[in-house]
């Protein structure tokens, strides 16, 4: 009785045999191309120190979309104004604007983050000029770009004056044009002062230069002012 010899061909060998006979496996389909990247989230921040989580959403050629916040590459155009993490978290550092971009598979999306300047609050500091030094306190309100409020001046000589602080500022910048006026009595006479100048705000500190007049002593020059938000 003859025994039959069985031959076992491995699956790999069978695949190779099929390929040799002109048969091939189906190609893996390419993923759809990215057509756009959109950034959403809070883009206007009220003050330095605030944060905002941005979201990046990619749209594909087949019409579908996907959140790719953690897969995108994030960048801030102005990191001195606002930074952004690899996960799309924005932190405002000072007043101004910065463009936040997210790039996914070579496609870029962007949004402009604005840190709006608002001087509403109480400010205290000193002002020193060619006449004398003064302790200055102002309670301010900002509406749009207009700043208005009170000004209290206490001089090193002991005289005092009360008046107003007015100014204008851009909501996307840190430069303030201001005027301080005050009228008070000292040394047996009534004096009126007017300071006009320009200043810059960095976080909660206002520094400025000014000139003007003092009805009792004449021109005011070389004025230097520093105030801190309370």
Protein backbone atom coordinates (compact mmCIF):
# COMPACT_ATOMS: atom_id res chain seq x y z
CA UNK A 1 0.00 0.00 0.00
CA UNK A 2 1.48 3.27 -1.07
CA UNK A 3 1.49 6.30 1.22
CA UNK A 4 0.45 9.68 -0.20
CA UNK A 5 2.96 12.46 0.30
CA UNK A 6 1.26 15.66 1.49
CA UNK A 7 2.97 18.97 0.83
CA UNK A 8 2.03 21.99 3.07
CA UNK A 9 2.71 25.41 1.64
CA UNK A 10 2.97 28.29 4.13
CA UNK A 11 0.50 31.15 3.75
CA UNK A 12 3.35 33.45 2.83
CA UNK A 13 4.35 31.10 0.06
CA UNK A 14 0.77 31.04 -1.20
CA UNK A 15 0.72 34.82 -1.23
CA UNK A 16 3.93 34.91 -3.17
CA UNK A 17 2.53 32.36 -5.58
CA UNK A 18 -0.60 34.47 -6.08
CA UNK A 19 1.53 37.54 -6.73
CA UNK A 20 3.56 35.57 -9.24
CA UNK A 21 0.33 34.72 -11.02
CA UNK A 22 -0.52 38.42 -11.44
CA UNK A 23 -2.71 38.87 -8.34
CA UNK A 24 -1.92 41.73 -5.90
CA UNK A 25 -3.34 43.01 -2.61
CA UNK A 26 -5.65 46.07 -2.75
CA UNK A 27 -3.67 49.35 -2.18
CA UNK A 28 -4.19 51.21 1.11
CA UNK A 29 -6.31 54.32 0.40
CA UNK A 30 -4.62 57.68 1.09
CA UNK A 31 -6.19 59.83 3.82
CA UNK A 32 -8.10 62.89 2.57
CA UNK A 33 -6.08 66.07 2.26
CA UNK A 34 -6.47 68.95 4.73
CA UNK A 35 -8.09 71.95 3.05
CA UNK A 36 -8.25 74.42 5.93
CA UNK A 37 -7.60 74.94 9.64
CA UNK A 38 -9.87 77.17 11.74
CA UNK A 39 -9.08 78.62 15.17
CA UNK A 40 -11.86 79.27 17.67
CA UNK A 41 -11.95 80.44 21.28
CA UNK A 42 -11.80 83.73 23.17
CA UNK A 43 -9.58 86.10 21.20
CA UNK A 44 -10.12 89.29 23.22
CA UNK A 45 -8.67 89.27 26.74
CA UNK A 46 -9.53 92.00 29.28
CA UNK A 47 -6.11 92.36 30.90
CA UNK A 48 -2.57 91.09 31.14
CA UNK A 49 -2.30 87.81 33.05
CA UNK A 50 -5.49 86.33 31.58
CA UNK A 51 -5.51 83.03 29.66
CA UNK A 52 -7.62 81.59 26.86
CA UNK A 53 -7.85 78.07 25.45
CA UNK A 54 -7.90 78.08 21.65
CA UNK A 55 -9.16 75.18 19.54
CA UNK A 56 -7.85 74.20 16.09
CA UNK A 57 -10.24 72.35 13.75
CA UNK A 58 -9.09 70.86 10.44
CA UNK A 59 -11.42 70.42 7.47
CA UNK A 60 -10.63 67.70 4.95
CA UNK A 61 -11.21 67.37 1.21
CA UNK A 62 -14.04 64.88 1.75
CA UNK A 63 -15.98 67.45 3.79
CA UNK A 64 -15.29 65.99 7.23
CA UNK A 65 -13.66 67.91 10.07
CA UNK A 66 -11.62 67.01 13.12
CA UNK A 67 -10.33 68.84 16.21
CA UNK A 68 -6.53 68.85 15.95
CA UNK A 69 -5.63 71.21 18.80
CA UNK A 70 -3.06 68.84 20.30
CA UNK A 71 -1.67 67.70 16.95
CA UNK A 72 -1.16 71.16 15.45
CA UNK A 73 1.99 73.27 15.75
CA UNK A 74 1.18 76.54 17.53
CA UNK A 75 3.01 79.86 17.21
CA UNK A 76 2.59 83.43 18.48
CA UNK A 77 3.65 86.28 16.18
CA UNK A 78 4.33 88.53 19.18
CA UNK A 79 5.39 86.50 22.23
CA UNK A 80 6.17 89.68 24.18
CA UNK A 81 2.43 90.44 24.13
CA UNK A 82 1.01 86.91 24.41
CA UNK A 83 2.41 83.38 24.38
CA UNK A 84 0.79 80.12 23.30
CA UNK A 85 1.57 76.57 24.46
CA UNK A 86 1.83 73.43 22.32
CA UNK A 87 -1.76 72.71 23.39
CA UNK A 88 -3.16 76.08 22.26
CA UNK A 89 -3.35 77.82 25.66
CA UNK A 90 -2.79 81.57 25.28
CA UNK A 91 -1.45 83.74 28.11
CA UNK A 92 -1.59 87.53 27.90
CA UNK A 93 1.59 89.25 29.06
CA UNK A 94 0.86 92.89 28.26
CA UNK A 95 -1.44 95.08 26.18
CA UNK A 96 -1.47 94.81 22.39
CA UNK A 97 -2.15 92.22 19.68
CA UNK A 98 -0.59 88.94 18.60
CA UNK A 99 -1.50 86.55 15.79
CA UNK A 100 -1.86 82.95 16.95
CA UNK A 101 -1.32 80.35 14.22
CA UNK A 102 -1.89 76.61 14.18
CA UNK A 103 -0.34 74.46 11.44
CA UNK A 104 -1.56 70.92 10.72
CA UNK A 105 -0.27 68.78 7.85
CA UNK A 106 1.20 71.88 6.22
CA UNK A 107 -2.01 73.91 6.35
CA UNK A 108 -2.08 77.04 8.51
CA UNK A 109 -4.93 78.75 10.36
CA UNK A 110 -4.70 81.93 12.42
CA UNK A 111 -6.56 84.29 14.73
CA UNK A 112 -5.65 87.67 16.22
CA UNK A 113 -5.57 87.84 20.01
CA UNK A 114 -6.17 91.31 21.48
CA UNK A 115 -5.34 92.31 25.03
CA UNK A 116 -7.40 95.44 25.58
CA UNK A 117 -6.03 98.26 27.70
CA UNK A 118 -8.43 99.49 30.38
CA UNK A 119 -7.29 102.04 32.96
CA UNK A 120 -10.44 101.87 35.05
CA UNK A 121 -9.42 101.81 38.72
CA UNK A 122 -7.39 103.72 41.28
CA UNK A 123 -3.81 104.68 40.47
CA UNK A 124 -1.21 106.05 42.88
CA UNK A 125 2.32 107.30 42.41
CA UNK A 126 4.68 110.23 42.20
CA UNK A 127 5.39 113.00 39.72
CA UNK A 128 8.65 114.98 39.75
CA UNK A 129 9.40 118.01 37.58
CA UNK A 130 11.34 121.26 37.44
CA UNK A 131 9.13 122.79 40.17
CA UNK A 132 8.85 120.08 42.83
CA UNK A 133 7.63 116.56 43.58
CA UNK A 134 4.05 115.57 44.15
CA UNK A 135 2.15 112.51 45.33
CA UNK A 136 -0.56 111.82 42.77
CA UNK A 137 -3.74 109.76 43.19
CA UNK A 138 -6.28 109.28 40.39
CA UNK A 139 -9.56 107.35 40.31
CA UNK A 140 -10.16 106.65 36.63
CA UNK A 141 -12.86 105.29 34.34
CA UNK A 142 -12.28 104.24 30.75
CA UNK A 143 -15.08 104.21 28.18
CA UNK A 144 -13.90 103.14 24.76
CA UNK A 145 -10.68 105.06 24.21
CA UNK A 146 -11.58 107.93 26.57
CA UNK A 147 -10.17 108.10 30.10
CA UNK A 148 -11.56 110.44 32.75
CA UNK A 149 -11.41 110.76 36.50
CA UNK A 150 -10.22 112.71 39.49
CA UNK A 151 -6.70 113.80 40.39
CA UNK A 152 -5.42 114.58 43.88
CA UNK A 153 -1.99 116.21 44.17
CA UNK A 154 -0.06 116.55 47.44
CA UNK A 155 3.21 118.48 47.11
CA UNK A 156 6.33 117.99 49.22
CA UNK A 157 5.86 121.58 50.42
CA UNK A 158 2.56 120.57 51.98
CA UNK A 159 0.26 122.32 49.51
CA UNK A 160 -2.53 120.33 47.87
CA UNK A 161 -4.52 120.56 44.65
CA UNK A 162 -7.53 118.71 43.34
CA UNK A 163 -8.64 118.39 39.77
CA UNK A 164 -8.99 115.90 36.95
CA UNK A 165 -7.12 113.30 34.90
CA UNK A 166 -8.23 112.94 31.27
CA UNK A 167 -6.71 111.04 28.39
CA UNK A 168 -7.09 108.82 25.36
CA UNK A 169 -5.73 105.37 24.62
CA UNK A 170 -5.97 102.78 21.88
CA UNK A 171 -7.70 99.56 22.93
CA UNK A 172 -4.96 97.59 21.20
CA UNK A 173 -1.99 99.56 22.45
CA UNK A 174 -0.30 100.74 25.61
CA UNK A 175 0.27 104.44 24.87
CA UNK A 176 -1.77 107.02 26.78
CA UNK A 177 -1.97 110.73 26.02
CA UNK A 178 -3.02 112.48 29.21
CA UNK A 179 -3.71 115.81 30.90
CA UNK A 180 -3.74 116.40 34.65
CA UNK A 181 -5.16 119.60 36.11
CA UNK A 182 -5.47 120.74 39.70
CA UNK A 183 -6.25 123.83 41.73
CA UNK A 184 -5.28 124.34 45.36
CA UNK A 185 -4.08 126.77 47.99
CA UNK A 186 -0.67 126.94 49.57
CA UNK A 187 1.57 129.62 51.00
CA UNK A 188 -1.27 132.11 51.07
CA UNK A 189 -2.07 131.85 47.35
CA UNK A 190 -4.21 129.79 45.02
CA UNK A 191 -2.37 127.94 42.28
CA UNK A 192 -3.54 126.05 39.19
CA UNK A 193 -1.37 123.42 37.52
CA UNK A 194 -1.75 121.73 34.15
CA UNK A 195 0.35 118.75 33.10
CA UNK A 196 0.20 117.37 29.55
CA UNK A 197 2.14 114.32 28.50
CA UNK A 198 2.36 110.82 27.14
CA UNK A 199 2.81 107.55 29.00
CA UNK A 200 3.09 103.81 28.61
CA UNK A 201 1.40 101.02 30.56
CA UNK A 202 3.13 97.73 31.33
CA UNK A 203 0.80 95.41 33.23
CA UNK A 204 -0.24 97.60 36.22
CA UNK A 205 2.47 100.28 36.02
CA UNK A 206 2.03 103.59 34.22
CA UNK A 207 5.10 105.70 33.41
CA UNK A 208 5.01 108.99 31.58
CA UNK A 209 6.72 112.26 30.77
CA UNK A 210 5.02 115.64 30.87
CA UNK A 211 5.33 119.39 30.79
CA UNK A 212 2.96 122.20 31.56
CA UNK A 213 2.38 125.27 33.67
CA UNK A 214 1.97 126.30 37.27
CA UNK A 215 0.18 129.61 37.73
CA UNK A 216 2.27 130.36 40.82
CA UNK A 217 5.72 129.32 39.62
CA UNK A 218 5.59 129.40 35.82
CA UNK A 219 6.51 126.71 33.27
CA UNK A 220 6.78 123.07 34.32
CA UNK A 221 9.43 121.04 32.47
CA UNK A 222 11.21 117.67 32.65
CA UNK A 223 8.24 115.96 34.28
CA UNK A 224 8.54 112.25 35.13
CA UNK A 225 5.51 110.32 36.40
CA UNK A 226 5.12 106.77 37.73
CA UNK A 227 1.80 105.35 38.93
CA UNK A 228 0.73 101.87 39.98
CA UNK A 229 -2.78 100.43 39.76
CA UNK A 230 -4.08 99.60 43.23
